[in-house]
Amino acid sequence: MAVERRLERDFIGYCGLIDRDATPGEPEIAYELFRAILGHGYATEAARAVRDAAAVTGRSRLWAGVRLCNTASLRVLTKLGFVSSGHVDEDAERGDMILMTCRLARPI
């Protein structure tokens, strides 16, 4: 889904879910925002909205893959309740990627 700022009404990136064959019913959350607007909480706000929408659909868990060098994204995911799955894909060229998971609370 497109991420837009409310006041400026401009496109600043995307955030959504990606279904993977290996984890049916447990999609991966993905987001990417323009560098110029990083550090203003937009990634956290967008990812929180997508996480909460996923919980309403009855999903029980989300996944996220993030490079260990991407400390900002690691902070966003941690704020949203993601924890390390213990699985790291080693990549000497682009940096190791950790897989994180988030258990979703069932809406009341």
C-alpha atoms as a PDB file:
ATOM      1  CA  MET A   1       0.000   0.000   0.000  1.00  0.00           C
ATOM      2  CA  ALA A   2       1.150   3.522  -0.655  1.00  0.00           C
ATOM      3  CA  VAL A   3       2.271   5.564   2.335  1.00  0.00           C
ATOM      4  CA  GLU A   4       1.327   9.229   2.146  1.00  0.00           C
ATOM      5  CA  ARG A   5       1.684  12.078   4.598  1.00  0.00           C
ATOM      6  CA  ARG A   6      -1.689  13.471   5.670  1.00  0.00           C
ATOM      7  CA  LEU A   7      -0.978  17.199   5.453  1.00  0.00           C
ATOM      8  CA  GLU A   8       1.315  17.179   2.418  1.00  0.00           C
ATOM      9  CA  ARG A   9      -0.665  14.409   0.676  1.00  0.00           C
ATOM     10  CA  ASP A  10       2.554  13.199  -0.941  1.00  0.00           C
ATOM     11  CA  PHE A  11       3.741   9.656  -1.608  1.00  0.00           C
ATOM     12  CA  ILE A  12       6.680   8.748   0.679  1.00  0.00           C
ATOM     13  CA  GLY A  13       6.937   4.975   0.291  1.00  0.00           C
ATOM     14  CA  TYR A  14       5.070   1.709   0.695  1.00  0.00           C
ATOM     15  CA  CYS A  15       4.109  -0.747   3.433  1.00  0.00           C
ATOM     16  CA  GLY A  16       2.224  -4.010   3.188  1.00  0.00           C
ATOM     17  CA  LEU A  17       2.175  -7.780   3.469  1.00  0.00           C
ATOM     18  CA  ILE A  18       3.824 -10.302   1.188  1.00  0.00           C
ATOM     19  CA  ASP A  19       2.518 -13.876   1.194  1.00  0.00           C
ATOM     20  CA  ARG A  20       5.280 -16.460   0.984  1.00  0.00           C
ATOM     21  CA  ASP A  21       4.741 -20.094  -0.023  1.00  0.00           C
ATOM     22  CA  ALA A  22       6.782 -21.335   2.946  1.00  0.00           C
ATOM     23  CA  THR A  23       4.530 -19.631   5.496  1.00  0.00           C
ATOM     24  CA  PRO A  24       0.882 -19.758   4.362  1.00  0.00           C
ATOM     25  CA  GLY A  25      -1.239 -17.511   6.535  1.00  0.00           C
ATOM     26  CA  GLU A  26       1.873 -15.927   8.042  1.00  0.00           C
ATOM     27  CA  PRO A  27       2.911 -13.170   5.618  1.00  0.00           C
ATOM     28  CA  GLU A  28       5.996 -11.018   5.694  1.00  0.00           C
ATOM     29  CA  ILE A  29       5.637  -7.321   6.466  1.00  0.00           C
ATOM     30  CA  ALA A  30       7.606  -5.111   4.093  1.00  0.00           C
ATOM     31  CA  TYR A  31       8.102  -1.368   3.967  1.00  0.00           C
ATOM     32  CA  GLU A  32      10.382   1.120   2.295  1.00  0.00           C
ATOM     33  CA  LEU A  33      10.306   4.890   2.647  1.00  0.00           C
ATOM     34  CA  PHE A  34      12.226   7.674   0.940  1.00  0.00           C
ATOM     35  CA  ARG A  35      15.461   8.519   2.766  1.00  0.00           C
ATOM     36  CA  ALA A  36      14.554  12.211   2.965  1.00  0.00           C
ATOM     37  CA  ILE A  37      11.696  11.545   5.404  1.00  0.00           C
ATOM     38  CA  LEU A  38      13.331   8.924   7.642  1.00  0.00           C
ATOM     39  CA  GLY A  39      13.432   9.563  11.374  1.00  0.00           C
ATOM     40  CA  HIS A  40       9.951  11.060  11.681  1.00  0.00           C
ATOM     41  CA  GLY A  41       8.057   7.930  12.778  1.00  0.00           C
ATOM     42  CA  TYR A  42       6.338   7.279   9.451  1.00  0.00           C
ATOM     43  CA  ALA A  43       7.691   3.725   9.134  1.00  0.00           C
ATOM     44  CA  THR A  44       6.503   2.864  12.634  1.00  0.00           C
ATOM     45  CA  GLU A  45       3.073   4.358  11.997  1.00  0.00           C
ATOM     46  CA  ALA A  46       2.626   2.579   8.663  1.00  0.00           C
ATOM     47  CA  ALA A  47       3.924  -0.776   9.898  1.00  0.00           C
ATOM     48  CA  ARG A  48       1.737  -0.561  13.023  1.00  0.00           C
ATOM     49  CA  ALA A  49      -1.340   0.011  10.862  1.00  0.00           C
ATOM     50  CA  VAL A  50      -0.478  -2.975   8.648  1.00  0.00           C
ATOM     51  CA  ARG A  51       0.276  -5.186  11.687  1.00  0.00           C
ATOM     52  CA  ASP A  52      -3.037  -4.250  13.312  1.00  0.00           C
ATOM     53  CA  ALA A  53      -4.968  -4.840  10.071  1.00  0.00           C
ATOM     54  CA  ALA A  54      -3.348  -8.282   9.777  1.00  0.00           C
ATOM     55  CA  ALA A  55      -4.518  -9.172  13.287  1.00  0.00           C
ATOM     56  CA  VAL A  56      -8.113  -8.274  12.381  1.00  0.00           C
ATOM     57  CA  THR A  57      -7.990 -10.752   9.481  1.00  0.00           C
ATOM     58  CA  GLY A  58      -7.285 -13.583  11.912  1.00  0.00           C
ATOM     59  CA  ARG A  59      -3.618 -14.065  11.153  1.00  0.00           C
ATOM     60  CA  SER A  60      -1.596 -15.252  14.125  1.00  0.00           C
ATOM     61  CA  ARG A  61       1.945 -14.254  13.163  1.00  0.00           C
ATOM     62  CA  LEU A  62       3.924 -12.002  10.850  1.00  0.00           C
ATOM     63  CA  TRP A  63       7.489 -12.317   9.626  1.00  0.00           C
ATOM     64  CA  ALA A  64      10.060  -9.671   8.752  1.00  0.00           C
ATOM     65  CA  GLY A  65      13.488  -9.966   7.201  1.00  0.00           C
ATOM     66  CA  VAL A  66      15.888  -7.153   8.030  1.00  0.00           C
ATOM     67  CA  ARG A  67      19.597  -6.641   7.517  1.00  0.00           C
ATOM     68  CA  LEU A  68      21.488  -6.466  10.810  1.00  0.00           C
ATOM     69  CA  CYS A  69      23.116  -3.217   9.665  1.00  0.00           C
ATOM     70  CA  ASN A  70      19.674  -1.577   9.311  1.00  0.00           C
ATOM     71  CA  THR A  71      19.407  -0.414  12.920  1.00  0.00           C
ATOM     72  CA  ALA A  72      16.519   1.978  12.214  1.00  0.00           C
ATOM     73  CA  SER A  73      14.347  -0.822  10.825  1.00  0.00           C
ATOM     74  CA  LEU A  74      15.347  -3.116  13.684  1.00  0.00           C
ATOM     75  CA  ARG A  75      14.104  -0.414  16.105  1.00  0.00           C
ATOM     76  CA  VAL A  76      10.802  -0.082  14.224  1.00  0.00           C
ATOM     77  CA  LEU A  77      10.192  -3.831  14.300  1.00  0.00           C
ATOM     78  CA  THR A  78      11.138  -4.112  17.974  1.00  0.00           C
ATOM     79  CA  LYS A  79       8.694  -1.304  18.860  1.00  0.00           C
ATOM     80  CA  LEU A  80       5.965  -3.301  17.129  1.00  0.00           C
ATOM     81  CA  GLY A  81       6.658  -6.488  19.074  1.00  0.00           C
ATOM     82  CA  PHE A  82       8.870  -8.362  16.617  1.00  0.00           C
ATOM     83  CA  VAL A  83      11.530 -10.624  18.110  1.00  0.00           C
ATOM     84  CA  SER A  84      14.376 -12.596  16.596  1.00  0.00           C
ATOM     85  CA  SER A  85      13.415 -16.014  15.271  1.00  0.00           C
ATOM     86  CA  GLY A  86      17.023 -17.089  15.768  1.00  0.00           C
ATOM     87  CA  HIS A  87      17.496 -17.548  12.020  1.00  0.00           C
ATOM     88  CA  VAL A  88      20.149 -15.474  10.249  1.00  0.00           C
ATOM     89  CA  ASP A  89      20.824 -15.622   6.516  1.00  0.00           C
ATOM     90  CA  GLU A  90      24.517 -14.868   6.118  1.00  0.00           C
ATOM     91  CA  ASP A  91      25.405 -12.540   3.271  1.00  0.00           C
ATOM     92  CA  ALA A  92      28.981 -11.265   3.168  1.00  0.00           C
ATOM     93  CA  GLU A  93      28.225  -8.958   0.246  1.00  0.00           C
ATOM     94  CA  ARG A  94      25.069  -7.135   1.405  1.00  0.00           C
ATOM     95  CA  GLY A  95      25.081  -7.880   5.130  1.00  0.00           C
ATOM     96  CA  ASP A  96      23.499 -10.635   7.177  1.00  0.00           C
ATOM     97  CA  MET A  97      19.703 -10.724   7.389  1.00  0.00           C
ATOM     98  CA  ILE A  98      17.811 -11.736  10.502  1.00  0.00           C
ATOM     99  CA  LEU A  99      14.290 -13.146  10.382  1.00  0.00           C
ATOM    100  CA  MET A 100      11.983 -11.702  13.024  1.00  0.00           C
ATOM    101  CA  THR A 101       8.476 -12.735  14.041  1.00  0.00           C
ATOM    102  CA  CYS A 102       5.543 -11.057  15.740  1.00  0.00           C
ATOM    103  CA  ARG A 103       2.669 -12.905  17.397  1.00  0.00           C
ATOM    104  CA  LEU A 104      -0.564 -11.112  16.695  1.00  0.00           C
ATOM    105  CA  ALA A 105      -3.160 -10.584  19.390  1.00  0.00           C
ATOM    106  CA  ARG A 106      -6.676 -11.591  18.498  1.00  0.00           C
ATOM    107  CA  PRO A 107      -8.994  -8.577  18.436  1.00  0.00           C
ATOM    108  CA  ILE A 108     -11.702  -8.505  21.077  1.00  0.00           C
END
